[in-house]
mmCIF file of all heavy atoms, coordinates in Angstrom:
data_MODEL
# 
_entry.id   MODEL 
# 
loop_
_atom_site.group_PDB 
_atom_site.id 
_atom_site.type_symbol 
_atom_site.label_atom_id 
_atom_site.label_alt_id 
_atom_site.label_comp_id 
_atom_site.label_asym_id 
_atom_site.label_entity_id 
_atom_site.label_seq_id 
_atom_site.pdbx_PDB_ins_code 
_atom_site.Cartn_x 
_atom_site.Cartn_y 
_atom_site.Cartn_z 
_atom_site.occupancy 
_atom_site.B_iso_or_equiv 
_atom_site.pdbx_formal_charge 
_atom_site.auth_seq_id 
_atom_site.auth_comp_id 
_atom_site.auth_asym_id 
_atom_site.auth_atom_id 
_atom_site.pdbx_PDB_model_num 
ATOM 1   N N   . LEU A 1 1  ? -47.491 37.136 -12.656 1.00 0.00 ? 1  LEU A N   1 
ATOM 2   C CA  . LEU A 1 1  ? -48.759 37.728 -12.780 1.00 0.00 ? 1  LEU A CA  1 
ATOM 3   C C   . LEU A 1 1  ? -49.400 38.239 -11.488 1.00 0.00 ? 1  LEU A C   1 
ATOM 4   O O   . LEU A 1 1  ? -50.228 39.155 -11.456 1.00 0.00 ? 1  LEU A O   1 
ATOM 5   C CB  . LEU A 1 1  ? -49.671 36.656 -13.397 1.00 0.00 ? 1  LEU A CB  1 
ATOM 6   C CG  . LEU A 1 1  ? -49.406 36.131 -14.797 1.00 0.00 ? 1  LEU A CG  1 
ATOM 7   C CD1 . LEU A 1 1  ? -50.271 34.991 -15.222 1.00 0.00 ? 1  LEU A CD1 1 
ATOM 8   C CD2 . LEU A 1 1  ? -49.478 37.305 -15.792 1.00 0.00 ? 1  LEU A CD2 1 
ATOM 9   N N   . PHE A 1 2  ? -48.938 37.632 -10.370 1.00 0.00 ? 2  PHE A N   1 
ATOM 10  C CA  . PHE A 1 2  ? -49.496 37.988 -9.035  1.00 0.00 ? 2  PHE A CA  1 
ATOM 11  C C   . PHE A 1 2  ? -48.378 38.241 -8.055  1.00 0.00 ? 2  PHE A C   1 
ATOM 12  O O   . PHE A 1 2  ? -47.327 37.600 -8.244  1.00 0.00 ? 2  PHE A O   1 
ATOM 13  C CB  . PHE A 1 2  ? -50.454 36.900 -8.599  1.00 0.00 ? 2  PHE A CB  1 
ATOM 14  C CG  . PHE A 1 2  ? -51.641 36.642 -9.476  1.00 0.00 ? 2  PHE A CG  1 
ATOM 15  C CD1 . PHE A 1 2  ? -51.648 35.608 -10.387 1.00 0.00 ? 2  PHE A CD1 1 
ATOM 16  C CD2 . PHE A 1 2  ? -52.764 37.467 -9.358  1.00 0.00 ? 2  PHE A CD2 1 
ATOM 17  C CE1 . PHE A 1 2  ? -52.705 35.368 -11.235 1.00 0.00 ? 2  PHE A CE1 1 
ATOM 18  C CE2 . PHE A 1 2  ? -53.814 37.203 -10.201 1.00 0.00 ? 2  PHE A CE2 1 
ATOM 19  C CZ  . PHE A 1 2  ? -53.875 36.249 -11.099 1.00 0.00 ? 2  PHE A CZ  1 
ATOM 20  N N   . PRO A 1 3  ? -48.629 38.988 -7.047  1.00 0.00 ? 3  PRO A N   1 
ATOM 21  C CA  . PRO A 1 3  ? -47.540 39.235 -6.028  1.00 0.00 ? 3  PRO A CA  1 
ATOM 22  C C   . PRO A 1 3  ? -47.312 37.907 -5.228  1.00 0.00 ? 3  PRO A C   1 
ATOM 23  O O   . PRO A 1 3  ? -48.193 37.111 -5.076  1.00 0.00 ? 3  PRO A O   1 
ATOM 24  C CB  . PRO A 1 3  ? -48.176 40.304 -5.097  1.00 0.00 ? 3  PRO A CB  1 
ATOM 25  C CG  . PRO A 1 3  ? -49.593 40.193 -5.336  1.00 0.00 ? 3  PRO A CG  1 
ATOM 26  C CD  . PRO A 1 3  ? -49.799 39.795 -6.788  1.00 0.00 ? 3  PRO A CD  1 
ATOM 27  N N   . THR A 1 4  ? -46.066 37.810 -4.762  1.00 0.00 ? 4  THR A N   1 
ATOM 28  C CA  . THR A 1 4  ? -45.665 36.650 -4.028  1.00 0.00 ? 4  THR A CA  1 
ATOM 29  C C   . THR A 1 4  ? -46.209 36.696 -2.602  1.00 0.00 ? 4  THR A C   1 
ATOM 30  O O   . THR A 1 4  ? -46.603 35.596 -2.064  1.00 0.00 ? 4  THR A O   1 
ATOM 31  C CB  . THR A 1 4  ? -44.150 36.504 -3.983  1.00 0.00 ? 4  THR A CB  1 
ATOM 32  O OG1 . THR A 1 4  ? -43.594 36.523 -5.279  1.00 0.00 ? 4  THR A OG1 1 
ATOM 33  C CG2 . THR A 1 4  ? -43.681 35.228 -3.333  1.00 0.00 ? 4  THR A CG2 1 
ATOM 34  N N   . TYR A 1 5  ? -46.242 37.831 -2.009  1.00 0.00 ? 5  TYR A N   1 
ATOM 35  C CA  . TYR A 1 5  ? -46.738 37.938 -0.584  1.00 0.00 ? 5  TYR A CA  1 
ATOM 36  C C   . TYR A 1 5  ? -47.268 39.346 -0.391  1.00 0.00 ? 5  TYR A C   1 
ATOM 37  O O   . TYR A 1 5  ? -47.206 40.219 -1.279  1.00 0.00 ? 5  TYR A O   1 
ATOM 38  C CB  . TYR A 1 5  ? -45.581 37.705 0.365   1.00 0.00 ? 5  TYR A CB  1 
ATOM 39  C CG  . TYR A 1 5  ? -44.427 38.653 0.287   1.00 0.00 ? 5  TYR A CG  1 
ATOM 40  C CD1 . TYR A 1 5  ? -44.461 39.861 1.017   1.00 0.00 ? 5  TYR A CD1 1 
ATOM 41  C CD2 . TYR A 1 5  ? -43.372 38.424 -0.633  1.00 0.00 ? 5  TYR A CD2 1 
ATOM 42  C CE1 . TYR A 1 5  ? -43.382 40.685 0.914   1.00 0.00 ? 5  TYR A CE1 1 
ATOM 43  C CE2 . TYR A 1 5  ? -42.328 39.346 -0.670  1.00 0.00 ? 5  TYR A CE2 1 
ATOM 44  C CZ  . TYR A 1 5  ? -42.335 40.477 0.107   1.00 0.00 ? 5  TYR A CZ  1 
ATOM 45  O OH  . TYR A 1 5  ? -41.341 41.329 -0.030  1.00 0.00 ? 5  TYR A OH  1 
ATOM 46  N N   . GLY A 1 6  ? -47.893 39.550 0.800   1.00 0.00 ? 6  GLY A N   1 
ATOM 47  C CA  . GLY A 1 6  ? -48.374 40.855 1.085   1.00 0.00 ? 6  GLY A CA  1 
ATOM 48  C C   . GLY A 1 6  ? -49.845 40.987 0.770   1.00 0.00 ? 6  GLY A C   1 
ATOM 49  O O   . GLY A 1 6  ? -50.543 40.190 0.158   1.00 0.00 ? 6  GLY A O   1 
ATOM 50  N N   . TYR A 1 7  ? -50.494 42.177 1.283   1.00 0.00 ? 7  TYR A N   1 
ATOM 51  C CA  . TYR A 1 7  ? -51.900 42.426 1.081   1.00 0.00 ? 7  TYR A CA  1 
ATOM 52  C C   . TYR A 1 7  ? -52.076 43.881 0.835   1.00 0.00 ? 7  TYR A C   1 
ATOM 53  O O   . TYR A 1 7  ? -51.546 44.762 1.515   1.00 0.00 ? 7  TYR A O   1 
ATOM 54  C CB  . TYR A 1 7  ? -52.597 42.009 2.356   1.00 0.00 ? 7  TYR A CB  1 
ATOM 55  C CG  . TYR A 1 7  ? -54.106 42.407 2.438   1.00 0.00 ? 7  TYR A CG  1 
ATOM 56  C CD1 . TYR A 1 7  ? -54.971 41.762 1.534   1.00 0.00 ? 7  TYR A CD1 1 
ATOM 57  C CD2 . TYR A 1 7  ? -54.508 43.400 3.220   1.00 0.00 ? 7  TYR A CD2 1 
ATOM 58  C CE1 . TYR A 1 7  ? -56.319 42.181 1.560   1.00 0.00 ? 7  TYR A CE1 1 
ATOM 59  C CE2 . TYR A 1 7  ? -55.884 43.746 3.311   1.00 0.00 ? 7  TYR A CE2 1 
ATOM 60  C CZ  . TYR A 1 7  ? -56.774 43.177 2.424   1.00 0.00 ? 7  TYR A CZ  1 
ATOM 61  O OH  . TYR A 1 7  ? -58.033 43.551 2.474   1.00 0.00 ? 7  TYR A OH  1 
ATOM 62  N N   . THR A 1 8  ? -52.962 44.113 -0.145  1.00 0.00 ? 8  THR A N   1 
ATOM 63  C CA  . THR A 1 8  ? -53.363 45.502 -0.429  1.00 0.00 ? 8  THR A CA  1 
ATOM 64  C C   . THR A 1 8  ? -54.812 45.718 0.024   1.00 0.00 ? 8  THR A C   1 
ATOM 65  O O   . THR A 1 8  ? -55.716 44.986 -0.408  1.00 0.00 ? 8  THR A O   1 
ATOM 66  C CB  . THR A 1 8  ? -53.230 45.817 -1.871  1.00 0.00 ? 8  THR A CB  1 
ATOM 67  O OG1 . THR A 1 8  ? -51.943 45.626 -2.385  1.00 0.00 ? 8  THR A OG1 1 
ATOM 68  C CG2 . THR A 1 8  ? -53.725 47.229 -2.252  1.00 0.00 ? 8  THR A CG2 1 
ATOM 69  N N   . PRO A 1 9  ? -55.129 46.633 0.922   1.00 0.00 ? 9  PRO A N   1 
ATOM 70  C CA  . PRO A 1 9  ? -56.510 46.835 1.462   1.00 0.00 ? 9  PRO A CA  1 
ATOM 71  C C   . PRO A 1 9  ? -57.460 47.178 0.288   1.00 0.00 ? 9  PRO A C   1 
ATOM 72  O O   . PRO A 1 9  ? -57.048 47.862 -0.704  1.00 0.00 ? 9  PRO A O   1 
ATOM 73  C CB  . PRO A 1 9  ? -56.362 48.041 2.447   1.00 0.00 ? 9  PRO A CB  1 
ATOM 74  C CG  . PRO A 1 9  ? -54.914 47.955 2.884   1.00 0.00 ? 9  PRO A CG  1 
ATOM 75  C CD  . PRO A 1 9  ? -54.184 47.485 1.620   1.00 0.00 ? 9  PRO A CD  1 
ATOM 76  N N   . TRP A 1 10 ? -58.643 46.796 0.371   1.00 0.00 ? 10 TRP A N   1 
ATOM 77  C CA  . TRP A 1 10 ? -59.729 47.098 -0.652  1.00 0.00 ? 10 TRP A CA  1 
ATOM 78  C C   . TRP A 1 10 ? -59.939 48.582 -0.801  1.00 0.00 ? 10 TRP A C   1 
ATOM 79  O O   . TRP A 1 10 ? -60.196 49.070 -1.862  1.00 0.00 ? 10 TRP A O   1 
ATOM 80  C CB  . TRP A 1 10 ? -61.051 46.380 -0.281  1.00 0.00 ? 10 TRP A CB  1 
ATOM 81  C CG  . TRP A 1 10 ? -60.958 44.876 -0.337  1.00 0.00 ? 10 TRP A CG  1 
ATOM 82  C CD1 . TRP A 1 10 ? -60.737 43.995 0.673   1.00 0.00 ? 10 TRP A CD1 1 
ATOM 83  C CD2 . TRP A 1 10 ? -61.149 44.044 -1.568  1.00 0.00 ? 10 TRP A CD2 1 
ATOM 84  N NE1 . TRP A 1 10 ? -60.798 42.653 0.183   1.00 0.00 ? 10 TRP A NE1 1 
ATOM 85  C CE2 . TRP A 1 10 ? -61.027 42.714 -1.155  1.00 0.00 ? 10 TRP A CE2 1 
ATOM 86  C CE3 . TRP A 1 10 ? -61.398 44.367 -2.884  1.00 0.00 ? 10 TRP A CE3 1 
ATOM 87  C CZ2 . TRP A 1 10 ? -61.170 41.669 -2.063  1.00 0.00 ? 10 TRP A CZ2 1 
ATOM 88  C CZ3 . TRP A 1 10 ? -61.581 43.285 -3.772  1.00 0.00 ? 10 TRP A CZ3 1 
ATOM 89  C CH2 . TRP A 1 10 ? -61.396 41.993 -3.403  1.00 0.00 ? 10 TRP A CH2 1 
ATOM 90  N N   . SER A 1 11 ? -59.885 49.290 0.354   1.00 0.00 ? 11 SER A N   1 
ATOM 91  C CA  . SER A 1 11 ? -60.091 50.682 0.325   1.00 0.00 ? 11 SER A CA  1 
ATOM 92  C C   . SER A 1 11 ? -59.073 51.527 -0.457  1.00 0.00 ? 11 SER A C   1 
ATOM 93  O O   . SER A 1 11 ? -59.307 52.568 -1.034  1.00 0.00 ? 11 SER A O   1 
ATOM 94  C CB  . SER A 1 11 ? -60.198 51.274 1.764   1.00 0.00 ? 11 SER A CB  1 
ATOM 95  O OG  . SER A 1 11 ? -58.986 50.973 2.454   1.00 0.00 ? 11 SER A OG  1 
ATOM 96  N N   . GLU A 1 12 ? -57.829 50.950 -0.467  1.00 0.00 ? 12 GLU A N   1 
ATOM 97  C CA  . GLU A 1 12 ? -56.773 51.653 -1.247  1.00 0.00 ? 12 GLU A CA  1 
ATOM 98  C C   . GLU A 1 12 ? -56.752 51.301 -2.754  1.00 0.00 ? 12 GLU A C   1 
ATOM 99  O O   . GLU A 1 12 ? -56.628 52.173 -3.551  1.00 0.00 ? 12 GLU A O   1 
ATOM 100 C CB  . GLU A 1 12 ? -55.434 51.169 -0.618  1.00 0.00 ? 12 GLU A CB  1 
ATOM 101 C CG  . GLU A 1 12 ? -55.223 51.732 0.807   1.00 0.00 ? 12 GLU A CG  1 
ATOM 102 C CD  . GLU A 1 12 ? -53.847 51.377 1.367   1.00 0.00 ? 12 GLU A CD  1 
ATOM 103 O OE1 . GLU A 1 12 ? -53.008 50.832 0.539   1.00 0.00 ? 12 GLU A OE1 1 
ATOM 104 O OE2 . GLU A 1 12 ? -53.607 51.610 2.470   1.00 0.00 ? 12 GLU A OE2 1 
ATOM 105 N N   . ASP A 1 13 ? -56.935 50.035 -3.003  1.00 0.00 ? 13 ASP A N   1 
ATOM 106 C CA  . ASP A 1 13 ? -56.851 49.562 -4.459  1.00 0.00 ? 13 ASP A CA  1 
ATOM 107 C C   . ASP A 1 13 ? -57.612 48.264 -4.588  1.00 0.00 ? 13 ASP A C   1 
ATOM 108 O O   . ASP A 1 13 ? -57.059 47.183 -4.282  1.00 0.00 ? 13 ASP A O   1 
ATOM 109 C CB  . ASP A 1 13 ? -55.417 49.405 -4.863  1.00 0.00 ? 13 ASP A CB  1 
ATOM 110 C CG  . ASP A 1 13 ? -55.235 49.022 -6.375  1.00 0.00 ? 13 ASP A CG  1 
ATOM 111 O OD1 . ASP A 1 13 ? -56.285 49.005 -7.030  1.00 0.00 ? 13 ASP A OD1 1 
ATOM 112 O OD2 . ASP A 1 13 ? -54.089 48.751 -6.766  1.00 0.00 ? 13 ASP A OD2 1 
ATOM 113 N N   . PRO A 1 14 ? -58.856 48.362 -5.001  1.00 0.00 ? 14 PRO A N   1 
ATOM 114 C CA  . PRO A 1 14 ? -59.654 47.033 -5.042  1.00 0.00 ? 14 PRO A CA  1 
ATOM 115 C C   . PRO A 1 14 ? -59.000 45.997 -6.020  1.00 0.00 ? 14 PRO A C   1 
ATOM 116 O O   . PRO A 1 14 ? -59.034 44.845 -5.725  1.00 0.00 ? 14 PRO A O   1 
ATOM 117 C CB  . PRO A 1 14 ? -61.038 47.571 -5.700  1.00 0.00 ? 14 PRO A CB  1 
ATOM 118 C CG  . PRO A 1 14 ? -61.090 48.989 -5.258  1.00 0.00 ? 14 PRO A CG  1 
ATOM 119 C CD  . PRO A 1 14 ? -59.697 49.472 -5.288  1.00 0.00 ? 14 PRO A CD  1 
ATOM 120 N N   . LEU A 1 15 ? -58.475 46.440 -7.178  1.00 0.00 ? 15 LEU A N   1 
ATOM 121 C CA  . LEU A 1 15 ? -57.808 45.517 -8.076  1.00 0.00 ? 15 LEU A CA  1 
ATOM 122 C C   . LEU A 1 15 ? -56.569 44.926 -7.425  1.00 0.00 ? 15 LEU A C   1 
ATOM 123 O O   . LEU A 1 15 ? -56.262 43.757 -7.576  1.00 0.00 ? 15 LEU A O   1 
ATOM 124 C CB  . LEU A 1 15 ? -57.466 46.239 -9.362  1.00 0.00 ? 15 LEU A CB  1 
ATOM 125 C CG  . LEU A 1 15 ? -56.850 45.347 -10.471 1.00 0.00 ? 15 LEU A CG  1 
ATOM 126 C CD1 . LEU A 1 15 ? -57.805 44.229 -10.846 1.00 0.00 ? 15 LEU A CD1 1 
ATOM 127 C CD2 . LEU A 1 15 ? -56.414 46.173 -11.697 1.00 0.00 ? 15 LEU A CD2 1 
ATOM 128 N N   . GLY A 1 16 ? -55.789 45.761 -6.695  1.00 0.00 ? 16 GLY A N   1 
ATOM 129 C CA  . GLY A 1 16 ? -54.613 45.257 -5.972  1.00 0.00 ? 16 GLY A CA  1 
ATOM 130 C C   . GLY A 1 16 ? -54.991 44.296 -4.916  1.00 0.00 ? 16 GLY A C   1 
ATOM 131 O O   . GLY A 1 16 ? -54.296 43.222 -4.698  1.00 0.00 ? 16 GLY A O   1 
ATOM 132 N N   . ALA A 1 17 ? -56.093 44.538 -4.234  1.00 0.00 ? 17 ALA A N   1 
ATOM 133 C CA  . ALA A 1 17 ? -56.565 43.624 -3.161  1.00 0.00 ? 17 ALA A CA  1 
ATOM 134 C C   . ALA A 1 17 ? -56.910 42.322 -3.804  1.00 0.00 ? 17 ALA A C   1 
ATOM 135 O O   . ALA A 1 17 ? -56.624 41.223 -3.255  1.00 0.00 ? 17 ALA A O   1 
ATOM 136 C CB  . ALA A 1 17 ? -57.774 44.222 -2.440  1.00 0.00 ? 17 ALA A CB  1 
ATOM 137 N N   . LEU A 1 18 ? -57.632 42.330 -4.966  1.00 0.00 ? 18 LEU A N   1 
ATOM 138 C CA  . LEU A 1 18 ? -58.039 41.080 -5.662  1.00 0.00 ? 18 LEU A CA  1 
ATOM 139 C C   . LEU A 1 18 ? -56.812 40.307 -6.118  1.00 0.00 ? 18 LEU A C   1 
ATOM 140 O O   . LEU A 1 18 ? -56.700 39.066 -5.997  1.00 0.00 ? 18 LEU A O   1 
ATOM 141 C CB  . LEU A 1 18 ? -58.901 41.457 -6.768  1.00 0.00 ? 18 LEU A CB  1 
ATOM 142 C CG  . LEU A 1 18 ? -59.505 40.280 -7.542  1.00 0.00 ? 18 LEU A CG  1 
ATOM 143 C CD1 . LEU A 1 18 ? -60.357 39.379 -6.634  1.00 0.00 ? 18 LEU A CD1 1 
ATOM 144 C CD2 . LEU A 1 18 ? -60.383 40.705 -8.773  1.00 0.00 ? 18 LEU A CD2 1 
ATOM 145 N N   . ARG A 1 19 ? -55.785 41.027 -6.580  1.00 0.00 ? 19 ARG A N   1 
ATOM 146 C CA  . ARG A 1 19 ? -54.567 40.363 -7.010  1.00 0.00 ? 19 ARG A CA  1 
ATOM 147 C C   . ARG A 1 19 ? -53.833 39.741 -5.845  1.00 0.00 ? 19 ARG A C   1 
ATOM 148 O O   . ARG A 1 19 ? -53.271 38.608 -6.048  1.00 0.00 ? 19 ARG A O   1 
ATOM 149 C CB  . ARG A 1 19 ? -53.621 41.313 -7.816  1.00 0.00 ? 19 ARG A CB  1 
ATOM 150 C CG  . ARG A 1 19 ? -54.222 41.834 -9.107  1.00 0.00 ? 19 ARG A CG  1 
ATOM 151 C CD  . ARG A 1 19 ? -53.266 42.752 -9.826  1.00 0.00 ? 19 ARG A CD  1 
ATOM 152 N NE  . ARG A 1 19 ? -52.086 41.979 -10.368 1.00 0.00 ? 19 ARG A NE  1 
ATOM 153 C CZ  . ARG A 1 19 ? -50.792 42.199 -9.862  1.00 0.00 ? 19 ARG A CZ  1 
ATOM 154 N NH1 . ARG A 1 19 ? -50.547 42.981 -8.910  1.00 0.00 ? 19 ARG A NH1 1 
ATOM 155 N NH2 . ARG A 1 19 ? -49.803 41.455 -10.366 1.00 0.00 ? 19 ARG A NH2 1 
ATOM 156 N N   . SER A 1 20 ? -53.804 40.391 -4.741  1.00 0.00 ? 20 SER A N   1 
ATOM 157 C CA  . SER A 1 20 ? -53.094 39.812 -3.584  1.00 0.00 ? 20 SER A CA  1 
ATOM 158 C C   . SER A 1 20 ? -53.790 38.681 -2.954  1.00 0.00 ? 20 SER A C   1 
ATOM 159 O O   . SER A 1 20 ? -53.160 37.843 -2.247  1.00 0.00 ? 20 SER A O   1 
ATOM 160 C CB  . SER A 1 20 ? -52.872 40.917 -2.546  1.00 0.00 ? 20 SER A CB  1 
ATOM 161 O OG  . SER A 1 20 ? -54.125 41.449 -2.019  1.00 0.00 ? 20 SER A OG  1 
ATOM 162 N N   . LEU A 1 21 ? -55.145 38.578 -3.179  1.00 0.00 ? 21 LEU A N   1 
ATOM 163 C CA  . LEU A 1 21 ? -55.928 37.469 -2.529  1.00 0.00 ? 21 LEU A CA  1 
ATOM 164 C C   . LEU A 1 21 ? -56.205 36.342 -3.508  1.00 0.00 ? 21 LEU A C   1 
ATOM 165 O O   . LEU A 1 21 ? -56.689 35.307 -3.108  1.00 0.00 ? 21 LEU A O   1 
ATOM 166 C CB  . LEU A 1 21 ? -57.208 38.043 -2.004  1.00 0.00 ? 21 LEU A CB  1 
ATOM 167 C CG  . LEU A 1 21 ? -57.123 38.992 -0.772  1.00 0.00 ? 21 LEU A CG  1 
ATOM 168 C CD1 . LEU A 1 21 ? -58.468 39.585 -0.444  1.00 0.00 ? 21 LEU A CD1 1 
ATOM 169 C CD2 . LEU A 1 21 ? -56.603 38.186 0.481   1.00 0.00 ? 21 LEU A CD2 1 
ATOM 170 N N   . PHE A 1 22 ? -55.906 36.571 -4.845  1.00 0.00 ? 22 PHE A N   1 
ATOM 171 C CA  . PHE A 1 22 ? -56.399 35.564 -5.757  1.00 0.00 ? 22 PHE A CA  1 
ATOM 172 C C   . PHE A 1 22 ? -55.663 34.166 -5.538  1.00 0.00 ? 22 PHE A C   1 
ATOM 173 O O   . PHE A 1 22 ? -56.276 33.174 -5.449  1.00 0.00 ? 22 PHE A O   1 
ATOM 174 C CB  . PHE A 1 22 ? -56.108 36.068 -7.191  1.00 0.00 ? 22 PHE A CB  1 
ATOM 175 C CG  . PHE A 1 22 ? -56.569 35.066 -8.265  1.00 0.00 ? 22 PHE A CG  1 
ATOM 176 C CD1 . PHE A 1 22 ? -57.883 35.005 -8.670  1.00 0.00 ? 22 PHE A CD1 1 
ATOM 177 C CD2 . PHE A 1 22 ? -55.606 34.249 -8.837  1.00 0.00 ? 22 PHE A CD2 1 
ATOM 178 C CE1 . PHE A 1 22 ? -58.270 34.059 -9.586  1.00 0.00 ? 22 PHE A CE1 1 
ATOM 179 C CE2 . PHE A 1 22 ? -55.991 33.344 -9.850  1.00 0.00 ? 22 PHE A CE2 1 
ATOM 180 C CZ  . PHE A 1 22 ? -57.333 33.254 -10.231 1.00 0.00 ? 22 PHE A CZ  1 
ATOM 181 N N   . LEU A 1 23 ? -54.350 34.259 -5.501  1.00 0.00 ? 23 LEU A N   1 
ATOM 182 C CA  . LEU A 1 23 ? -53.574 32.937 -5.364  1.00 0.00 ? 23 LEU A CA  1 
ATOM 183 C C   . LEU A 1 23 ? -53.915 32.252 -3.994  1.00 0.00 ? 23 LEU A C   1 
ATOM 184 O O   . LEU A 1 23 ? -54.105 31.031 -4.020  1.00 0.00 ? 23 LEU A O   1 
ATOM 185 C CB  . LEU A 1 23 ? -52.101 33.229 -5.477  1.00 0.00 ? 23 LEU A CB  1 
ATOM 186 C CG  . LEU A 1 23 ? -51.585 33.530 -6.895  1.00 0.00 ? 23 LEU A CG  1 
ATOM 187 C CD1 . LEU A 1 23 ? -50.041 33.649 -6.894  1.00 0.00 ? 23 LEU A CD1 1 
ATOM 188 C CD2 . LEU A 1 23 ? -52.081 32.514 -7.941  1.00 0.00 ? 23 LEU A CD2 1 
ATOM 189 N N   . PRO A 1 24 ? -53.940 33.010 -2.831  1.00 0.00 ? 24 PRO A N   1 
ATOM 190 C CA  . PRO A 1 24 ? -54.272 32.334 -1.594  1.00 0.00 ? 24 PRO A CA  1 
ATOM 191 C C   . PRO A 1 24 ? -55.684 31.700 -1.692  1.00 0.00 ? 24 PRO A C   1 
ATOM 192 O O   . PRO A 1 24 ? -55.893 30.577 -1.226  1.00 0.00 ? 24 PRO A O   1 
ATOM 193 C CB  . PRO A 1 24 ? -54.278 33.444 -0.556  1.00 0.00 ? 24 PRO A CB  1 
ATOM 194 C CG  . PRO A 1 24 ? -53.312 34.444 -1.147  1.00 0.00 ? 24 PRO A CG  1 
ATOM 195 C CD  . PRO A 1 24 ? -53.477 34.378 -2.597  1.00 0.00 ? 24 PRO A CD  1 
ATOM 196 N N   . SER A 1 25 ? -56.619 32.459 -2.286  1.00 0.00 ? 25 SER A N   1 
ATOM 197 C CA  . SER A 1 25 ? -58.012 31.857 -2.412  1.00 0.00 ? 25 SER A CA  1 
ATOM 198 C C   . SER A 1 25 ? -58.047 30.693 -3.285  1.00 0.00 ? 25 SER A C   1 
ATOM 199 O O   . SER A 1 25 ? -58.727 29.732 -3.012  1.00 0.00 ? 25 SER A O   1 
ATOM 200 C CB  . SER A 1 25 ? -58.933 32.955 -2.956  1.00 0.00 ? 25 SER A CB  1 
ATOM 201 O OG  . SER A 1 25 ? -58.955 34.105 -2.212  1.00 0.00 ? 25 SER A OG  1 
ATOM 202 N N   . LEU A 1 26 ? -57.259 30.694 -4.372  1.00 0.00 ? 26 LEU A N   1 
ATOM 203 C CA  . LEU A 1 26 ? -57.189 29.541 -5.235  1.00 0.00 ? 26 LEU A CA  1 
ATOM 204 C C   . LEU A 1 26 ? -56.624 28.338 -4.632  1.00 0.00 ? 26 LEU A C   1 
ATOM 205 O O   . LEU A 1 26 ? -57.013 27.211 -4.799  1.00 0.00 ? 26 LEU A O   1 
ATOM 206 C CB  . LEU A 1 26 ? -56.440 29.917 -6.530  1.00 0.00 ? 26 LEU A CB  1 
ATOM 207 C CG  . LEU A 1 26 ? -56.437 28.887 -7.665  1.00 0.00 ? 26 LEU A CG  1 
ATOM 208 C CD1 . LEU A 1 26 ? -57.799 28.582 -8.192  1.00 0.00 ? 26 LEU A CD1 1 
ATOM 209 C CD2 . LEU A 1 26 ? -55.538 29.391 -8.878  1.00 0.00 ? 26 LEU A CD2 1 
# 
């Protein structure tokens, strides 16, 4: 459901940024 690693900037893809930060934040 979520990427294992890496980061997508908010300016490029807000949804991708949220997906990349969701698991670390949780």
